C-alpha cells in the first residue's frame, strides 16, 4: 500500500554537502528524513516560497517537457530503500496511459512541489525507516537553523 506524505521541513546548510528534507505521513505519525544535494534543496525551497526565476532551471525544464508532451505529473512514489538509498518514480499521465519514470526522490519532490502534486511512499519503506536509527548520517548536534 502507498501512503501519502507531505514535505514537513527542509534543512539547508549552504556550507555543507548535507541537506535534509523531512517527509511526514499525512494521516499518521510516521516521518523520515532524506539527504539531498544543495541544488535540489534550493530548488525545493525556491518552489515552496514561490520564487520566480527569469530562466527555467532544470526542474522547471523537466516540468515543461512533461506538459509540452501532453503529460501530467499525477504523483510521485518513493518505492524502495536499499542500502540507505531511496528510489522513486514519477507517475506521469499521458494520452497513451500512465508512464513511470525512474527519478531521484529529491528531483521528484522538486517537481511535485511546483505543481502541488501528491507524494506517496510505499508502506514497506515507511516501516523500514522507522526501524533504522539514523539514515541521514547526521549527529544530533548538527544545527540546521
Protein backbone atom coordinates (compact mmCIF):
# COMPACT_ATOMS: atom_id res chain seq x y z
CA UNK A 1 0.00 0.00 0.00
CA UNK A 2 1.19 3.52 -0.74
CA UNK A 3 0.87 6.21 1.93
CA UNK A 4 0.54 9.90 1.12
CA UNK A 5 3.16 12.13 2.73
CA UNK A 6 3.91 15.82 2.76
CA UNK A 7 7.10 17.78 2.95
CA UNK A 8 7.22 18.84 6.59
CA UNK A 9 10.53 20.68 6.64
CA UNK A 10 13.66 21.42 4.73
CA UNK A 11 17.01 21.93 6.44
CA UNK A 12 19.64 23.76 4.37
CA UNK A 13 23.26 24.40 5.29
CA UNK A 14 24.90 26.16 2.38
CA UNK A 15 28.39 25.37 3.67
CA UNK A 16 27.72 21.65 3.85
CA UNK A 17 27.16 18.85 1.37
CA UNK A 18 24.39 17.50 3.60
CA UNK A 19 20.90 18.96 3.18
CA UNK A 20 17.84 17.22 4.59
CA UNK A 21 14.17 17.18 3.71
CA UNK A 22 11.68 15.54 6.01
CA UNK A 23 8.53 13.82 4.83
CA UNK A 24 5.60 13.21 7.18
CA UNK A 25 2.70 10.81 6.77
CA UNK A 26 -0.47 12.88 6.21
CA UNK A 27 -2.87 10.69 8.19
CA UNK A 28 -0.40 9.17 10.65
CA UNK A 29 2.56 9.68 12.94
CA UNK A 30 5.43 8.42 10.76
CA UNK A 31 8.07 10.72 9.31
CA UNK A 32 11.58 10.34 7.97
CA UNK A 33 14.46 12.40 6.58
CA UNK A 34 16.05 12.16 3.15
CA UNK A 35 19.51 13.57 2.47
CA UNK A 36 19.58 15.64 -0.73
CA UNK A 37 22.11 17.77 -2.57
CA UNK A 38 22.27 21.53 -2.20
CA UNK A 39 20.94 22.30 -5.72
CA UNK A 40 17.88 20.09 -5.15
CA UNK A 41 17.28 21.53 -1.67
CA UNK A 42 17.50 25.06 -3.05
CA UNK A 43 15.12 24.18 -5.91
CA UNK A 44 12.59 22.75 -3.45
CA UNK A 45 12.88 25.78 -1.18
CA UNK A 46 12.54 28.18 -4.13
CA UNK A 47 9.40 26.39 -5.25
CA UNK A 48 7.91 26.37 -1.74
CA UNK A 49 8.47 30.12 -1.46
CA UNK A 50 7.06 30.75 -4.95
CA UNK A 51 10.25 32.46 -6.11
CA UNK A 52 10.22 33.01 -9.86
CA UNK A 53 13.45 32.89 -11.83
CA UNK A 54 13.94 34.65 -15.17
CA UNK A 55 15.04 31.48 -17.00
CA UNK A 56 13.92 27.89 -16.37
CA UNK A 57 16.04 25.85 -14.00
CA UNK A 58 16.43 22.08 -14.54
CA UNK A 59 13.27 21.13 -12.64
CA UNK A 60 11.29 23.83 -14.46
CA UNK A 61 12.59 22.41 -17.74
CA UNK A 62 11.56 18.88 -16.76
CA UNK A 63 8.04 20.02 -15.84
CA UNK A 64 7.79 21.97 -19.09
CA UNK A 65 8.83 18.94 -21.13
CA UNK A 66 6.20 16.76 -19.43
CA UNK A 67 3.46 19.33 -20.16
CA UNK A 68 4.64 20.01 -23.74
CA UNK A 69 4.41 16.29 -24.49
CA UNK A 70 0.78 16.29 -23.24
CA UNK A 71 1.68 14.67 -19.95
CA UNK A 72 0.76 15.49 -16.38
CA UNK A 73 2.68 14.54 -13.26
CA UNK A 74 0.00 12.60 -11.39
CA UNK A 75 2.04 11.61 -8.34
CA UNK A 76 5.50 10.83 -7.04
CA UNK A 77 6.15 7.45 -5.45
CA UNK A 78 9.13 6.64 -3.25
CA UNK A 79 9.00 2.89 -3.57
CA UNK A 80 12.27 1.45 -2.30
CA UNK A 81 15.04 1.90 0.24
CA UNK A 82 18.18 -0.11 -0.49
CA UNK A 83 21.48 0.28 1.36
CA UNK A 84 20.50 3.74 2.57
CA UNK A 85 19.40 4.99 -0.86
CA UNK A 86 15.79 5.89 -1.63
CA UNK A 87 14.32 5.17 -5.07
CA UNK A 88 11.38 6.99 -6.63
CA UNK A 89 9.34 7.14 -9.80
CA UNK A 90 7.43 9.92 -11.48
CA UNK A 91 3.93 8.67 -12.33
CA UNK A 92 3.04 10.62 -15.46
CA UNK A 93 -0.38 10.52 -17.10
CA UNK A 94 -0.13 10.69 -20.89
CA UNK A 95 -2.66 10.31 -23.72
CA UNK A 96 -1.30 6.75 -24.07
CA UNK A 97 -1.73 5.87 -20.40
CA UNK A 98 0.42 6.07 -17.31
CA UNK A 99 4.20 6.11 -17.70
CA UNK A 100 6.63 5.56 -14.84
CA UNK A 101 9.97 7.36 -14.97
CA UNK A 102 12.81 6.50 -12.60
CA UNK A 103 13.89 9.55 -10.60
CA UNK A 104 15.88 10.56 -7.56
CA UNK A 105 13.45 11.42 -4.77
CA UNK A 106 14.91 14.93 -4.48
CA UNK A 107 14.24 15.66 -8.17
CA UNK A 108 10.79 14.09 -7.98
CA UNK A 109 9.88 16.13 -4.90
CA UNK A 110 11.12 19.35 -6.53
CA UNK A 111 8.79 18.66 -9.46
CA UNK A 112 5.89 17.72 -7.17
CA UNK A 113 6.19 20.84 -5.02
CA UNK A 114 5.91 23.12 -8.06
CA UNK A 115 2.55 21.73 -9.15
CA UNK A 116 1.19 20.68 -5.75
CA UNK A 117 1.39 17.06 -6.89
CA UNK A 118 0.87 14.40 -4.21
CA UNK A 119 3.84 12.44 -2.89
CA UNK A 120 3.46 8.83 -1.79
CA UNK A 121 5.76 6.40 -0.02
CA UNK A 122 5.39 2.63 -0.04
CA UNK A 123 4.25 1.37 3.34
CA UNK A 124 7.18 -1.05 3.34
CA UNK A 125 9.63 1.88 3.01
CA UNK A 126 7.93 3.72 5.88
CA UNK A 127 8.16 0.60 8.04
CA UNK A 128 11.83 0.17 7.16
CA UNK A 129 12.85 3.74 8.00
CA UNK A 130 11.08 3.53 11.35
CA UNK A 131 13.42 0.69 12.33
CA UNK A 132 16.63 2.49 11.39
CA UNK A 133 18.38 4.59 13.99
CA UNK A 134 19.80 7.26 11.69
CA UNK A 135 19.57 7.11 7.92
CA UNK A 136 20.94 10.63 7.43
CA UNK A 137 24.39 10.12 8.87
CA UNK A 138 23.89 13.31 10.89
CA UNK A 139 24.78 13.78 14.50
CA UNK A 140 22.01 15.10 16.78
CA UNK A 141 24.22 18.12 17.50
CA UNK A 142 24.14 19.17 13.83
CA UNK A 143 22.37 22.52 13.75
CA UNK A 144 20.47 23.47 10.62
CA UNK A 145 18.74 26.59 11.79
